[in-house]
Amino acid sequence: QVQLAESGGGSVQAGDSLRLSCAASGHTFIAYVMAWFRQAPGKEREFVASISWSGSMTYYSDSVKGRFTISRDNAKNTGYLQMNILRPEDTAVYYCAASRGAYYESKIAPRDYNYWGQGTQVTVSS
């Protein structure tokens, strides 16, 4: 199985950018669909973005489309989430997730993913 570890979170001002990384170990990263989720205090974990094994297909939630970009470097066993034009409502713990199953756009529920990182905090102040 794969182990995931996020990094890159922090505290920024509205309008700033951050890039999150998700380092994978323990198994061949390319075999996994990868996604990012986030969870704000008192709210359910929500889907942010997903990417296919090769990186050729991506899907975003409406709330981040046009501002966030998901990518992966399979040679480095690392996934990324570039977050631009951050807003206070983007404040949350961000989680990297992986799944051995097929990639499809409707794969947006937490239960669709088998493996999770520990999360990294992103705080955006106005």
N, C-alpha and C. Protein backbone atom coordinates (compact mmCIF):
# COMPACT_ATOMS: atom_id res chain seq x y z
N GLN A 1 0.84 -1.18 0.00
CA GLN A 1 0.00 0.00 0.00
C GLN A 1 0.88 1.23 0.00
N VAL A 2 0.27 2.37 -0.31
CA VAL A 2 1.01 3.61 -0.43
C VAL A 2 0.82 4.45 0.83
N GLN A 3 1.88 5.15 1.23
CA GLN A 3 1.80 6.11 2.33
C GLN A 3 1.93 7.51 1.74
N LEU A 4 1.15 8.44 2.28
CA LEU A 4 1.10 9.80 1.75
C LEU A 4 1.46 10.81 2.83
N ALA A 5 2.19 11.85 2.44
CA ALA A 5 2.56 12.89 3.40
C ALA A 5 2.47 14.24 2.72
N GLU A 6 1.61 15.11 3.23
CA GLU A 6 1.44 16.44 2.67
C GLU A 6 2.42 17.42 3.30
N SER A 7 2.71 18.47 2.56
CA SER A 7 3.52 19.57 3.06
C SER A 7 3.18 20.82 2.27
N GLY A 8 3.62 21.96 2.78
CA GLY A 8 3.45 23.20 2.04
C GLY A 8 2.36 24.11 2.56
N GLY A 9 1.63 23.68 3.57
CA GLY A 9 0.59 24.54 4.11
C GLY A 9 1.19 25.73 4.85
N GLY A 10 0.32 26.66 5.24
CA GLY A 10 0.79 27.82 5.97
C GLY A 10 -0.30 28.86 6.10
N SER A 11 0.10 30.04 6.61
CA SER A 11 -0.82 31.16 6.78
C SER A 11 -0.47 32.25 5.77
N VAL A 12 -1.44 32.66 5.00
CA VAL A 12 -1.23 33.67 3.95
C VAL A 12 -2.35 34.68 3.96
N GLN A 13 -2.18 35.73 3.17
CA GLN A 13 -3.21 36.75 2.99
C GLN A 13 -4.08 36.40 1.78
N ALA A 14 -5.29 36.92 1.79
CA ALA A 14 -6.17 36.73 0.64
C ALA A 14 -5.48 37.26 -0.62
N GLY A 15 -5.59 36.49 -1.69
CA GLY A 15 -4.95 36.85 -2.94
C GLY A 15 -3.59 36.21 -3.15
N ASP A 16 -3.02 35.66 -2.09
CA ASP A 16 -1.71 35.01 -2.18
C ASP A 16 -1.83 33.61 -2.79
N SER A 17 -0.67 32.99 -2.97
CA SER A 17 -0.60 31.64 -3.53
C SER A 17 0.16 30.72 -2.59
N LEU A 18 -0.15 29.43 -2.69
CA LEU A 18 0.56 28.38 -1.98
C LEU A 18 0.62 27.16 -2.89
N ARG A 19 1.67 26.36 -2.72
CA ARG A 19 1.72 25.08 -3.42
C ARG A 19 1.88 23.96 -2.39
N LEU A 20 0.91 23.07 -2.39
CA LEU A 20 0.96 21.90 -1.52
C LEU A 20 1.62 20.74 -2.27
N SER A 21 2.34 19.93 -1.52
CA SER A 21 2.96 18.73 -2.09
C SER A 21 2.44 17.51 -1.34
N CYS A 22 2.41 16.39 -2.06
CA CYS A 22 1.99 15.12 -1.48
C CYS A 22 3.03 14.08 -1.88
N ALA A 23 3.87 13.69 -0.95
CA ALA A 23 4.92 12.72 -1.22
C ALA A 23 4.40 11.31 -0.94
N ALA A 24 4.55 10.43 -1.93
CA ALA A 24 4.06 9.05 -1.80
C ALA A 24 5.23 8.10 -1.63
N SER A 25 5.02 7.08 -0.82
CA SER A 25 6.05 6.06 -0.62
C SER A 25 5.38 4.72 -0.38
N GLY A 26 6.14 3.67 -0.55
CA GLY A 26 5.65 2.34 -0.23
C GLY A 26 5.09 1.56 -1.40
N HIS A 27 4.77 2.21 -2.47
CA HIS A 27 4.23 1.51 -3.63
C HIS A 27 4.35 2.41 -4.84
N THR A 28 4.22 1.85 -6.00
CA THR A 28 4.36 2.61 -7.24
C THR A 28 3.26 3.66 -7.35
N PHE A 29 3.66 4.90 -7.31
CA PHE A 29 2.71 6.02 -7.27
C PHE A 29 1.85 6.07 -8.52
N ILE A 30 2.41 5.70 -9.64
CA ILE A 30 1.68 5.83 -10.89
C ILE A 30 0.45 4.94 -10.92
N ALA A 31 0.39 3.94 -10.06
CA ALA A 31 -0.74 3.03 -10.05
C ALA A 31 -1.97 3.63 -9.39
N TYR A 32 -1.86 4.83 -8.85
CA TYR A 32 -2.93 5.41 -8.07
C TYR A 32 -3.50 6.67 -8.69
N VAL A 33 -4.82 6.76 -8.65
CA VAL A 33 -5.49 8.04 -8.88
C VAL A 33 -5.25 8.89 -7.64
N MET A 34 -5.01 10.17 -7.83
CA MET A 34 -4.73 11.04 -6.70
C MET A 34 -5.75 12.16 -6.63
N ALA A 35 -6.04 12.59 -5.40
CA ALA A 35 -6.99 13.69 -5.22
C ALA A 35 -6.59 14.53 -4.01
N TRP A 36 -7.14 15.71 -3.97
CA TRP A 36 -7.02 16.59 -2.81
C TRP A 36 -8.43 16.85 -2.27
N PHE A 37 -8.54 16.78 -0.96
CA PHE A 37 -9.75 17.13 -0.24
C PHE A 37 -9.39 18.19 0.80
N ARG A 38 -10.40 18.81 1.35
CA ARG A 38 -10.16 19.75 2.44
C ARG A 38 -11.30 19.67 3.45
N GLN A 39 -10.98 20.06 4.67
CA GLN A 39 -11.99 20.03 5.73
C GLN A 39 -11.80 21.25 6.63
N ALA A 40 -12.83 22.08 6.66
CA ALA A 40 -12.84 23.24 7.53
C ALA A 40 -13.48 22.85 8.86
N PRO A 41 -13.21 23.61 9.93
CA PRO A 41 -13.78 23.28 11.24
C PRO A 41 -15.30 23.23 11.19
N GLY A 42 -15.85 22.15 11.71
CA GLY A 42 -17.29 22.01 11.77
C GLY A 42 -17.96 21.60 10.47
N LYS A 43 -17.16 21.34 9.44
CA LYS A 43 -17.71 20.97 8.14
C LYS A 43 -17.22 19.59 7.72
N GLU A 44 -17.94 19.01 6.76
CA GLU A 44 -17.53 17.72 6.24
C GLU A 44 -16.33 17.88 5.29
N ARG A 45 -15.61 16.79 5.14
CA ARG A 45 -14.50 16.79 4.19
C ARG A 45 -15.05 16.92 2.77
N GLU A 46 -14.48 17.84 2.00
CA GLU A 46 -15.00 18.08 0.66
C GLU A 46 -13.92 17.90 -0.39
N PHE A 47 -14.37 17.46 -1.55
CA PHE A 47 -13.49 17.25 -2.69
C PHE A 47 -12.99 18.57 -3.24
N VAL A 48 -11.71 18.60 -3.63
CA VAL A 48 -11.11 19.79 -4.24
C VAL A 48 -10.73 19.51 -5.69
N ALA A 49 -9.94 18.47 -5.92
CA ALA A 49 -9.47 18.17 -7.27
C ALA A 49 -8.97 16.74 -7.34
N SER A 50 -8.96 16.18 -8.56
CA SER A 50 -8.43 14.84 -8.77
C SER A 50 -7.63 14.80 -10.06
N ILE A 51 -6.78 13.78 -10.18
CA ILE A 51 -5.93 13.64 -11.35
C ILE A 51 -5.73 12.16 -11.65
N SER A 52 -5.73 11.83 -12.93
CA SER A 52 -5.59 10.44 -13.35
C SER A 52 -4.15 9.95 -13.18
N TRP A 53 -3.94 8.65 -13.44
CA TRP A 53 -2.60 8.08 -13.27
C TRP A 53 -1.54 8.81 -14.08
N SER A 54 -1.87 9.10 -15.31
CA SER A 54 -0.87 9.73 -16.19
C SER A 54 -0.82 11.24 -16.02
N GLY A 55 -1.82 11.81 -15.39
CA GLY A 55 -1.89 13.26 -15.28
C GLY A 55 -2.62 13.91 -16.43
N SER A 56 -3.12 13.11 -17.38
CA SER A 56 -3.76 13.68 -18.55
C SER A 56 -5.18 14.14 -18.29
N MET A 57 -5.79 13.66 -17.23
CA MET A 57 -7.17 14.05 -16.91
C MET A 57 -7.23 14.62 -15.50
N THR A 58 -7.92 15.74 -15.38
CA THR A 58 -8.10 16.38 -14.09
C THR A 58 -9.55 16.82 -13.94
N TYR A 59 -9.93 17.04 -12.69
CA TYR A 59 -11.30 17.48 -12.40
C TYR A 59 -11.25 18.32 -11.14
N TYR A 60 -12.06 19.40 -11.13
CA TYR A 60 -12.04 20.34 -10.02
C TYR A 60 -13.44 20.61 -9.49
N SER A 61 -13.51 20.94 -8.22
CA SER A 61 -14.77 21.42 -7.69
C SER A 61 -15.01 22.82 -8.24
N ASP A 62 -16.25 23.22 -8.29
CA ASP A 62 -16.58 24.54 -8.82
C ASP A 62 -15.95 25.66 -7.98
N SER A 63 -15.79 25.41 -6.70
CA SER A 63 -15.29 26.46 -5.82
C SER A 63 -13.81 26.81 -6.06
N VAL A 64 -13.07 25.91 -6.70
CA VAL A 64 -11.63 26.17 -6.92
C VAL A 64 -11.26 26.22 -8.39
N LYS A 65 -12.20 25.88 -9.26
CA LYS A 65 -11.90 25.84 -10.69
C LYS A 65 -11.41 27.20 -11.16
N GLY A 66 -10.31 27.21 -11.89
CA GLY A 66 -9.73 28.44 -12.39
C GLY A 66 -8.72 29.07 -11.46
N ARG A 67 -8.68 28.61 -10.20
CA ARG A 67 -7.72 29.16 -9.22
C ARG A 67 -6.69 28.11 -8.80
N PHE A 68 -7.11 26.86 -8.71
CA PHE A 68 -6.23 25.77 -8.26
C PHE A 68 -5.86 24.89 -9.44
N THR A 69 -4.66 24.32 -9.37
CA THR A 69 -4.21 23.38 -10.39
C THR A 69 -3.59 22.16 -9.72
N ILE A 70 -4.11 20.99 -10.09
CA ILE A 70 -3.55 19.74 -9.58
C ILE A 70 -2.60 19.17 -10.61
N SER A 71 -1.51 18.60 -10.14
CA SER A 71 -0.54 17.99 -11.05
C SER A 71 0.20 16.87 -10.31
N ARG A 72 1.00 16.13 -11.03
CA ARG A 72 1.78 15.06 -10.41
C ARG A 72 3.05 14.83 -11.20
N ASP A 73 4.08 14.38 -10.51
CA ASP A 73 5.34 13.99 -11.12
C ASP A 73 5.60 12.55 -10.68
N ASN A 74 5.24 11.61 -11.52
CA ASN A 74 5.34 10.20 -11.13
C ASN A 74 6.79 9.76 -10.94
N ALA A 75 7.71 10.42 -11.62
CA ALA A 75 9.12 10.08 -11.44
C ALA A 75 9.60 10.44 -10.04
N LYS A 76 8.96 11.44 -9.45
CA LYS A 76 9.32 11.88 -8.09
C LYS A 76 8.35 11.35 -7.04
N ASN A 77 7.36 10.56 -7.48
CA ASN A 77 6.34 10.05 -6.56
C ASN A 77 5.69 11.17 -5.75
N THR A 78 5.38 12.25 -6.43
CA THR A 78 4.85 13.42 -5.74
C THR A 78 3.69 14.03 -6.52
N GLY A 79 2.67 14.44 -5.78
CA GLY A 79 1.57 15.18 -6.35
C GLY A 79 1.59 16.60 -5.80
N TYR A 80 0.90 17.49 -6.53
CA TYR A 80 0.93 18.90 -6.15
C TYR A 80 -0.47 19.51 -6.26
N LEU A 81 -0.66 20.57 -5.49
CA LEU A 81 -1.85 21.41 -5.64
C LEU A 81 -1.38 22.85 -5.58
N GLN A 82 -1.38 23.50 -6.73
CA GLN A 82 -1.04 24.91 -6.81
C GLN A 82 -2.31 25.71 -6.55
N MET A 83 -2.27 26.56 -5.55
CA MET A 83 -3.45 27.32 -5.15
C MET A 83 -3.15 28.81 -5.33
N ASN A 84 -3.89 29.43 -6.22
CA ASN A 84 -3.72 30.86 -6.49
C ASN A 84 -4.97 31.63 -6.08
N ILE A 85 -4.80 32.93 -5.92
CA ILE A 85 -5.91 33.82 -5.57
C ILE A 85 -6.68 33.24 -4.39
N LEU A 86 -5.96 32.92 -3.33
CA LEU A 86 -6.58 32.29 -2.17
C LEU A 86 -7.57 33.24 -1.50
N ARG A 87 -8.62 32.63 -0.96
CA ARG A 87 -9.69 33.37 -0.29
C ARG A 87 -9.81 32.87 1.16
N PRO A 88 -10.37 33.67 2.03
CA PRO A 88 -10.57 33.20 3.42
C PRO A 88 -11.37 31.90 3.49
N GLU A 89 -12.30 31.72 2.58
CA GLU A 89 -13.11 30.49 2.60
C GLU A 89 -12.33 29.25 2.15
N ASP A 90 -11.10 29.43 1.71
CA ASP A 90 -10.24 28.29 1.39
C ASP A 90 -9.55 27.74 2.64
N THR A 91 -9.70 28.43 3.76
CA THR A 91 -9.09 27.99 5.01
C THR A 91 -9.62 26.61 5.40
N ALA A 92 -8.69 25.67 5.60
CA ALA A 92 -9.06 24.29 5.92
C ALA A 92 -7.79 23.47 6.12
N VAL A 93 -7.99 22.25 6.59
CA VAL A 93 -6.93 21.25 6.53
C VAL A 93 -7.05 20.55 5.18
N TYR A 94 -5.96 20.50 4.45
CA TYR A 94 -5.96 19.89 3.12
C TYR A 94 -5.33 18.50 3.20
N TYR A 95 -6.03 17.55 2.59
CA TYR A 95 -5.60 16.15 2.61
C TYR A 95 -5.34 15.65 1.20
N CYS A 96 -4.29 14.90 1.07
CA CYS A 96 -3.99 14.17 -0.15
C CYS A 96 -4.59 12.77 -0.01
N ALA A 97 -5.15 12.24 -1.10
CA ALA A 97 -5.75 10.92 -1.07
C ALA A 97 -5.40 10.16 -2.33
N ALA A 98 -5.39 8.83 -2.23
CA ALA A 98 -5.05 7.99 -3.38
C ALA A 98 -5.99 6.80 -3.46
N SER A 99 -6.21 6.37 -4.70
CA SER A 99 -7.10 5.24 -4.94
C SER A 99 -6.51 4.33 -6.01
N ARG A 100 -6.64 3.02 -5.81
CA ARG A 100 -6.17 2.05 -6.80
C ARG A 100 -7.16 1.87 -7.94
N GLY A 101 -8.35 2.37 -7.80
CA GLY A 101 -9.37 2.13 -8.80
C GLY A 101 -9.20 2.99 -10.04
N ALA A 102 -10.16 2.87 -10.95
CA ALA A 102 -10.14 3.64 -12.19
C ALA A 102 -10.40 5.12 -11.91
N TYR A 103 -9.95 5.95 -12.85
CA TYR A 103 -10.21 7.39 -12.74
C TYR A 103 -11.52 7.72 -13.42
N TYR A 104 -12.35 8.50 -12.77
CA TYR A 104 -13.53 9.07 -13.40
C TYR A 104 -13.90 10.34 -12.64
N GLU A 105 -14.56 11.26 -13.31
CA GLU A 105 -14.80 12.58 -12.73
C GLU A 105 -15.71 12.53 -11.51
N SER A 106 -16.60 11.57 -11.46
CA SER A 106 -17.52 11.53 -10.32
C SER A 106 -16.91 10.87 -9.09
N LYS A 107 -15.63 10.58 -9.16
CA LYS A 107 -14.94 9.99 -8.02
C LYS A 107 -14.57 11.10 -7.06
N ILE A 108 -15.56 11.63 -6.34
CA ILE A 108 -15.34 12.80 -5.52
C ILE A 108 -15.71 12.58 -4.05
N ALA A 109 -16.14 11.41 -3.67
CA ALA A 109 -16.49 11.13 -2.28
C ALA A 109 -15.27 10.60 -1.53
N PRO A 110 -15.10 10.98 -0.27
CA PRO A 110 -13.98 10.44 0.50
C PRO A 110 -13.93 8.92 0.50
N ARG A 111 -15.08 8.26 0.46
CA ARG A 111 -15.10 6.80 0.51
C ARG A 111 -14.53 6.18 -0.76
N ASP A 112 -14.37 6.97 -1.80
CA ASP A 112 -13.79 6.46 -3.05
C ASP A 112 -12.28 6.28 -2.96
N TYR A 113 -11.68 6.79 -1.90
CA TYR A 113 -10.22 6.79 -1.78
C TYR A 113 -9.79 5.94 -0.59
N ASN A 114 -8.77 5.14 -0.83
CA ASN A 114 -8.34 4.16 0.15
C ASN A 114 -7.25 4.67 1.09
N TYR A 115 -6.47 5.61 0.61
CA TYR A 115 -5.28 6.03 1.36
C TYR A 115 -5.28 7.53 1.53
N TRP A 116 -4.84 7.95 2.73
CA TRP A 116 -4.90 9.37 3.09
C TRP A 116 -3.62 9.80 3.79
N GLY A 117 -3.27 11.07 3.58
CA GLY A 117 -2.20 11.67 4.34
C GLY A 117 -2.74 12.23 5.64
N GLN A 118 -1.84 12.85 6.40
CA GLN A 118 -2.22 13.36 7.73
C GLN A 118 -2.82 14.76 7.66
N GLY A 119 -2.68 15.43 6.53
CA GLY A 119 -3.25 16.75 6.35
C GLY A 119 -2.26 17.87 6.62
N THR A 120 -2.49 19.00 5.98
CA THR A 120 -1.69 20.20 6.20
C THR A 120 -2.62 21.40 6.27
N GLN A 121 -2.38 22.27 7.24
CA GLN A 121 -3.28 23.40 7.49
C GLN A 121 -2.98 24.55 6.53
N VAL A 122 -4.04 25.08 5.95
CA VAL A 122 -3.96 26.29 5.13
C VAL A 122 -4.90 27.32 5.76
N THR A 123 -4.35 28.47 6.10
CA THR A 123 -5.14 29.54 6.70
C THR A 123 -4.99 30.80 5.85
N VAL A 124 -6.12 31.35 5.43
CA VAL A 124 -6.12 32.54 4.58
C VAL A 124 -6.85 33.64 5.33
N SER A 125 -6.16 34.72 5.56
CA SER A 125 -6.77 35.83 6.27
C SER A 125 -7.10 36.96 5.31
N SER A 126 -8.13 37.72 5.66
CA SER A 126 -8.59 38.80 4.77
C SER A 126 -7.87 40.10 5.05
